[in-house]
C-alpha atoms as a PDB file:
ATOM      1  CA  MET A   1      -0.285  -0.054   0.009  1.00  0.00           C
ATOM      2  CA  ALA A   2       2.538   2.364   0.961  1.00  0.00           C
ATOM      3  CA  GLY A   3       4.294   1.650  -2.533  1.00  0.00           C
ATOM      4  CA  ILE A   4       1.354   2.287  -4.301  1.00  0.00           C
ATOM      5  CA  GLU A   5       0.574   5.901  -2.116  1.00  0.00           C
ATOM      6  CA  TRP A   6       4.387   6.945  -2.850  1.00  0.00           C
ATOM      7  CA  SER A   7       3.395   6.254  -6.717  1.00  0.00           C
ATOM      8  CA  SER A   8       1.405   8.821  -6.351  1.00  0.00           C
ATOM      9  CA  ALA A   9       2.444  11.114  -3.835  1.00  0.00           C
ATOM     10  CA  ASN A  10       6.076  11.177  -6.096  1.00  0.00           C
ATOM     11  CA  ASN A  11       4.250  11.327  -9.541  1.00  0.00           C
ATOM     12  CA  LEU A  12       5.008   7.975 -11.000  1.00  0.00           C
ATOM     13  CA  ASP A  13       3.603   7.705 -14.752  1.00  0.00           C
ATOM     14  CA  ILE A  14       3.735   3.516 -14.536  1.00  0.00           C
ATOM     15  CA  LEU A  15       3.094   1.441 -11.804  1.00  0.00           C
ATOM     16  CA  ASN A  16       4.193  -2.435 -12.348  1.00  0.00           C
ATOM     17  CA  MET A  17       2.366  -4.844  -9.908  1.00  0.00           C
ATOM     18  CA  SER A  18       3.779  -8.732 -10.766  1.00  0.00           C
ATOM     19  CA  PHE A  19       2.603 -10.197  -7.755  1.00  0.00           C
ATOM     20  CA  SER A  20      -0.382 -11.231  -7.161  1.00  0.00           C
ATOM     21  CA  GLY A  21      -3.392 -13.357  -4.921  1.00  0.00           C
ATOM     22  CA  GLY A  22      -6.578 -14.302  -4.254  1.00  0.00           C
ATOM     23  CA  THR A  23      -8.074 -11.687  -1.563  1.00  0.00           C
ATOM     24  CA  SER A  24     -10.030  -8.916  -1.934  1.00  0.00           C
ATOM     25  CA  SER A  25      -9.165  -5.616  -0.458  1.00  0.00           C
ATOM     26  CA  ARG A  26     -11.324  -2.514  -0.085  1.00  0.00           C
ATOM     27  CA  THR A  27      -8.207  -0.100   1.328  1.00  0.00           C
ATOM     28  CA  LEU A  28      -6.571  -1.960  -1.971  1.00  0.00           C
ATOM     29  CA  GLU A  29      -8.926  -1.100  -4.682  1.00  0.00           C
ATOM     30  CA  ARG A  30      -9.072   2.797  -2.808  1.00  0.00           C
ATOM     31  CA  ALA A  31      -5.236   3.176  -3.194  1.00  0.00           C
ATOM     32  CA  LEU A  32      -5.002   1.873  -6.970  1.00  0.00           C
ATOM     33  CA  ASP A  33      -8.505   3.527  -7.504  1.00  0.00           C
ATOM     34  CA  ASN A  34      -6.813   6.938  -6.047  1.00  0.00           C
ATOM     35  CA  ALA A  35      -3.176   6.196  -8.141  1.00  0.00           C
ATOM     36  CA  TYR A  36      -5.223   5.754 -10.960  1.00  0.00           C
ATOM     37  CA  ASN A  37      -7.779   8.780 -10.642  1.00  0.00           C
ATOM     38  CA  SER A  38      -4.051  11.230 -10.007  1.00  0.00           C
ATOM     39  CA  GLY A  39      -2.401  10.024 -13.551  1.00  0.00           C
ATOM     40  CA  VAL A  40      -0.616   6.730 -12.415  1.00  0.00           C
ATOM     41  CA  LEU A  41      -0.818   3.942 -15.220  1.00  0.00           C
ATOM     42  CA  LEU A  42      -1.678   0.534 -13.050  1.00  0.00           C
ATOM     43  CA  VAL A  43      -0.625  -2.689 -15.125  1.00  0.00           C
ATOM     44  CA  GLY A  44      -0.769  -5.678 -12.686  1.00  0.00           C
ATOM     45  CA  ALA A  45       0.021  -9.804 -13.292  1.00  0.00           C
ATOM     46  CA  ALA A  46      -3.364 -11.462 -13.493  1.00  0.00           C
ATOM     47  CA  GLY A  47      -2.509 -14.329 -11.811  1.00  0.00           C
ATOM     48  CA  ASN A  48      -0.986 -18.657 -12.607  1.00  0.00           C
ATOM     49  CA  THR A  49      -4.591 -20.121 -11.265  1.00  0.00           C
ATOM     50  CA  GLY A  50      -5.283 -21.695 -15.051  1.00  0.00           C
ATOM     51  CA  TYR A  51      -7.830 -21.918 -16.465  1.00  0.00           C
ATOM     52  CA  ASP A  52     -11.830 -22.057 -15.043  1.00  0.00           C
ATOM     53  CA  ARG A  53     -14.811 -21.387 -16.716  1.00  0.00           C
ATOM     54  CA  LYS A  54     -15.514 -18.463 -14.174  1.00  0.00           C
ATOM     55  CA  GLY A  55     -12.517 -17.030 -14.163  1.00  0.00           C
ATOM     56  CA  THR A  56      -9.590 -16.643 -11.969  1.00  0.00           C
ATOM     57  CA  ILE A  57      -8.393 -13.255 -12.645  1.00  0.00           C
ATOM     58  CA  GLY A  58      -6.410 -12.537  -9.150  1.00  0.00           C
ATOM     59  CA  TYR A  59      -5.833  -9.266  -7.300  1.00  0.00           C
ATOM     60  CA  PRO A  60      -5.194  -6.733  -8.240  1.00  0.00           C
ATOM     61  CA  ALA A  61      -5.116  -6.882 -11.204  1.00  0.00           C
ATOM     62  CA  LYS A  62      -8.925  -7.692 -11.000  1.00  0.00           C
ATOM     63  CA  TYR A  63      -9.663  -3.779 -10.293  1.00  0.00           C
ATOM     64  CA  ASP A  64     -11.861  -2.394 -12.956  1.00  0.00           C
ATOM     65  CA  SER A  65      -8.157   0.336 -12.702  1.00  0.00           C
ATOM     66  CA  VAL A  66      -4.904  -2.127 -13.335  1.00  0.00           C
ATOM     67  CA  ILE A  67      -4.860  -3.990 -16.650  1.00  0.00           C
ATOM     68  CA  ALA A  68      -4.542  -7.005 -15.987  1.00  0.00           C
ATOM     69  CA  VAL A  69      -2.002  -9.240 -18.181  1.00  0.00           C
ATOM     70  CA  GLY A  70      -1.719 -12.584 -18.745  1.00  0.00           C
ATOM     71  CA  ALA A  71       1.309 -15.020 -20.313  1.00  0.00           C
ATOM     72  CA  VAL A  72       1.528 -16.235 -23.705  1.00  0.00           C
ATOM     73  CA  ASN A  73       4.471 -19.057 -24.522  1.00  0.00           C
ATOM     74  CA  GLN A  74       6.848 -18.235 -27.964  1.00  0.00           C
ATOM     75  CA  PHE A  75       3.600 -19.833 -29.812  1.00  0.00           C
ATOM     76  CA  ASN A  76       1.186 -17.043 -28.956  1.00  0.00           C
ATOM     77  CA  GLU A  77      -0.653 -19.177 -26.997  1.00  0.00           C
ATOM     78  CA  ARG A  78      -2.304 -18.651 -23.460  1.00  0.00           C
ATOM     79  CA  ALA A  79       0.189 -20.434 -21.247  1.00  0.00           C
ATOM     80  CA  ALA A  80      -1.540 -23.440 -19.586  1.00  0.00           C
ATOM     81  CA  PHE A  81      -0.939 -21.729 -16.267  1.00  0.00           C
ATOM     82  CA  SER A  82      -2.316 -18.007 -17.426  1.00  0.00           C
ATOM     83  CA  SER A  83      -5.266 -16.959 -15.114  1.00  0.00           C
ATOM     84  CA  VAL A  84      -8.661 -16.348 -17.237  1.00  0.00           C
ATOM     85  CA  GLY A  85     -11.808 -13.992 -17.187  1.00  0.00           C
ATOM     86  CA  ARG A  86     -13.744 -11.043 -18.763  1.00  0.00           C
ATOM     87  CA  GLU A  87     -11.187  -8.933 -16.898  1.00  0.00           C
ATOM     88  CA  LEU A  88      -8.155  -9.977 -18.746  1.00  0.00           C
ATOM     89  CA  GLU A  89      -7.534  -6.896 -20.784  1.00  0.00           C
ATOM     90  CA  ILE A  90      -3.745  -7.113 -22.656  1.00  0.00           C
ATOM     91  CA  MET A  91      -0.853 -10.379 -23.086  1.00  0.00           C
ATOM     92  CA  ALA A  92       2.637 -11.003 -22.885  1.00  0.00           C
ATOM     93  CA  PRO A  93       4.845 -13.538 -23.821  1.00  0.00           C
ATOM     94  CA  GLY A  94       5.678 -15.110 -20.065  1.00  0.00           C
ATOM     95  CA  VAL A  95       7.149 -18.327 -20.581  1.00  0.00           C
ATOM     96  CA  GLY A  96      10.900 -18.924 -20.921  1.00  0.00           C
ATOM     97  CA  ILE A  97      11.502 -15.403 -19.409  1.00  0.00           C
ATOM     98  CA  GLN A  98      14.993 -14.236 -18.259  1.00  0.00           C
ATOM     99  CA  SER A  99      15.171 -12.586 -14.766  1.00  0.00           C
ATOM    100  CA  THR A 100      17.574 -11.020 -12.632  1.00  0.00           C
ATOM    101  CA  VAL A 101      17.757 -13.319  -9.356  1.00  0.00           C
ATOM    102  CA  PRO A 102      20.023 -13.193  -6.094  1.00  0.00           C
ATOM    103  CA  GLY A 103      23.356 -13.146  -7.387  1.00  0.00           C
ATOM    104  CA  GLY A 104      22.283 -14.028 -11.252  1.00  0.00           C
ATOM    105  CA  TYR A 105      19.752 -14.534 -13.870  1.00  0.00           C
ATOM    106  CA  ALA A 106      17.240 -17.591 -14.309  1.00  0.00           C
ATOM    107  CA  MET A 107      14.891 -18.553 -16.483  1.00  0.00           C
ATOM    108  CA  ASN A 108      10.894 -17.731 -15.733  1.00  0.00           C
ATOM    109  CA  ASN A 109       7.614 -18.485 -16.120  1.00  0.00           C
ATOM    110  CA  GLY A 110       4.298 -16.704 -14.602  1.00  0.00           C
ATOM    111  CA  THR A 111       2.128 -13.807 -15.682  1.00  0.00           C
ATOM    112  CA  SER A 112       4.721 -11.626 -13.516  1.00  0.00           C
ATOM    113  CA  MET A 113       6.755 -11.941 -16.498  1.00  0.00           C
ATOM    114  CA  ALA A 114       4.954 -10.900 -18.398  1.00  0.00           C
ATOM    115  CA  SER A 115       3.135  -7.512 -16.789  1.00  0.00           C
ATOM    116  CA  PRO A 116       6.762  -5.903 -17.119  1.00  0.00           C
ATOM    117  CA  HIS A 117       6.586  -6.472 -20.927  1.00  0.00           C
ATOM    118  CA  VAL A 118       3.059  -4.402 -20.807  1.00  0.00           C
ATOM    119  CA  THR A 119       5.032  -1.994 -18.499  1.00  0.00           C
ATOM    120  CA  GLY A 120       7.619  -1.664 -20.986  1.00  0.00           C
ATOM    121  CA  VAL A 121       5.758  -0.812 -24.297  1.00  0.00           C
ATOM    122  CA  ALA A 122       3.664   2.015 -21.995  1.00  0.00           C
ATOM    123  CA  SER A 123       6.846   3.373 -20.816  1.00  0.00           C
ATOM    124  CA  LEU A 124       7.739   3.298 -24.984  1.00  0.00           C
ATOM    125  CA  VAL A 125       4.462   4.668 -25.655  1.00  0.00           C
ATOM    126  CA  LEU A 126       4.566   7.919 -23.320  1.00  0.00           C
ATOM    127  CA  GLU A 127       8.307   8.294 -24.420  1.00  0.00           C
ATOM    128  CA  ALA A 128       6.869   8.452 -27.762  1.00  0.00           C
ATOM    129  CA  GLN A 129       3.841  11.050 -27.278  1.00  0.00           C
ATOM    130  CA  PRO A 130       4.227  12.449 -23.553  1.00  0.00           C
ATOM    131  CA  GLU A 131       1.364  14.746 -23.918  1.00  0.00           C
ATOM    132  CA  LEU A 132      -0.803  11.238 -23.237  1.00  0.00           C
ATOM    133  CA  ASN A 133      -1.972  10.533 -20.199  1.00  0.00           C
ATOM    134  CA  ASN A 134      -2.702   7.344 -17.705  1.00  0.00           C
ATOM    135  CA  ILE A 135      -5.674   7.013 -20.084  1.00  0.00           C
ATOM    136  CA  GLN A 136      -4.800   7.505 -23.276  1.00  0.00           C
ATOM    137  CA  ILE A 137      -1.629   4.751 -23.007  1.00  0.00           C
ATOM    138  CA  ARG A 138      -4.174   2.116 -21.622  1.00  0.00           C
ATOM    139  CA  SER A 139      -6.427   2.771 -24.562  1.00  0.00           C
ATOM    140  CA  ALA A 140      -3.071   2.846 -27.161  1.00  0.00           C
ATOM    141  CA  LEU A 141      -2.006  -0.374 -25.517  1.00  0.00           C
ATOM    142  CA  ASN A 142      -5.429  -1.888 -26.230  1.00  0.00           C
ATOM    143  CA  ASP A 143      -5.957  -0.663 -29.334  1.00  0.00           C
ATOM    144  CA  THR A 144      -3.459  -1.839 -30.956  1.00  0.00           C
ATOM    145  CA  ALA A 145      -3.428  -5.526 -29.242  1.00  0.00           C
ATOM    146  CA  THR A 146      -2.506  -8.082 -31.670  1.00  0.00           C
ATOM    147  CA  ASN A 147      -6.573 -10.128 -31.452  1.00  0.00           C
ATOM    148  CA  LEU A 148      -5.846 -13.823 -30.591  1.00  0.00           C
ATOM    149  CA  GLY A 149      -9.015 -14.628 -30.423  1.00  0.00           C
ATOM    150  CA  ASP A 150     -11.782 -15.172 -27.160  1.00  0.00           C
ATOM    151  CA  SER A 151     -11.013 -12.397 -25.168  1.00  0.00           C
ATOM    152  CA  PHE A 152     -11.887 -14.861 -22.331  1.00  0.00           C
ATOM    153  CA  ASN A 153      -8.585 -15.875 -22.274  1.00  0.00           C
ATOM    154  CA  TYR A 154      -6.348 -13.376 -24.522  1.00  0.00           C
ATOM    155  CA  GLY A 155      -8.305 -10.049 -23.314  1.00  0.00           C
ATOM    156  CA  ASN A 156      -7.756  -7.569 -25.883  1.00  0.00           C
ATOM    157  CA  GLY A 157      -4.771  -9.105 -27.675  1.00  0.00           C
ATOM    158  CA  LEU A 158      -0.869  -9.760 -27.316  1.00  0.00           C
ATOM    159  CA  VAL A 159       0.816  -6.320 -27.086  1.00  0.00           C
ATOM    160  CA  ASN A 160       2.431  -5.061 -29.519  1.00  0.00           C
ATOM    161  CA  ALA A 161       4.793  -2.313 -29.557  1.00  0.00           C
ATOM    162  CA  GLN A 162       5.511  -0.606 -32.636  1.00  0.00           C
ATOM    163  CA  SER A 163       1.953  -0.214 -33.142  1.00  0.00           C
ATOM    164  CA  ALA A 164       1.132   1.466 -29.890  1.00  0.00           C
ATOM    165  CA  VAL A 165       4.311   3.592 -30.288  1.00  0.00           C
ATOM    166  CA  ASN A 166       2.780   4.970 -33.511  1.00  0.00           C
ATOM    167  CA  PHE A 167      -0.916   5.298 -31.754  1.00  0.00           C
ATOM    168  CA  ASN A 168      -2.396   7.470 -33.327  1.00  0.00           C
ATOM    169  CA  GLU A 169      -4.219  10.170 -29.932  1.00  0.00           C
ATOM    170  CA  SER A 170      -7.010  10.749 -32.479  1.00  0.00           C
ATOM    171  CA  ILE A 171      -8.469   7.704 -32.451  1.00  0.00           C
ATOM    172  CA  VAL A 172      -8.611   7.885 -29.140  1.00  0.00           C
ATOM    173  CA  THR A 173     -11.803   8.982 -28.422  1.00  0.00           C
ATOM    174  CA  GLN A 174     -12.998   6.089 -31.047  1.00  0.00           C
ATOM    175  CA  GLY A 175     -11.693   3.065 -29.048  1.00  0.00           C
ATOM    176  CA  LYS A 176     -12.575   1.425 -25.922  1.00  0.00           C
ATOM    177  CA  GLY A 177     -12.138   4.516 -24.046  1.00  0.00           C
ATOM    178  CA  GLY A 178     -12.435   3.789 -19.826  1.00  0.00           C
ATOM    179  CA  ASN A 179     -10.369   0.808 -18.462  1.00  0.00           C
ATOM    180  CA  GLY A 180      -9.627  -0.802 -21.435  1.00  0.00           C
ATOM    181  CA  LYS A 181     -11.547  -3.711 -19.862  1.00  0.00           C
ATOM    182  CA  LYS A 182     -13.521  -6.721 -22.318  1.00  0.00           C
ATOM    183  CA  LYS A 183     -17.259  -6.989 -20.954  1.00  0.00           C
END
């Protein structure tokens, strides 16, 4: 909570949350809503609980103010562990990702590996078009994602860095707008 509050107080542009849990917290939701409303783009790991027809997105990604990121493999197929649901917003590579660990590097799998990809693309969009706010950057990510199939399993699709960076701001009003979540 302190980190989320710090992000708002210190005018952070984008916050990656590579963690997920199964319990909702009104306090956490309020802190995230406040950060989002203050202009922070919130990106969160959807969770690693796999498929269930009722949905399996974890918190904080399940909140409307957070972009819920699922994981795909090298063939752009949903990773078996990647959570699904109507809150799922966008996909990114999350299988066999080299990451830092204490003492060096290791290969890891998870939506916690996928969400930093989306955070990185959002940073590129902001760098290319610094006039965009968090809502417009979110729209850029969602409106330019490469469709992979059913939104319950793939959200709006695979994050597409080149298309997102080249996003035309005037399209924002024609796009999904709002929070970008599939309904």
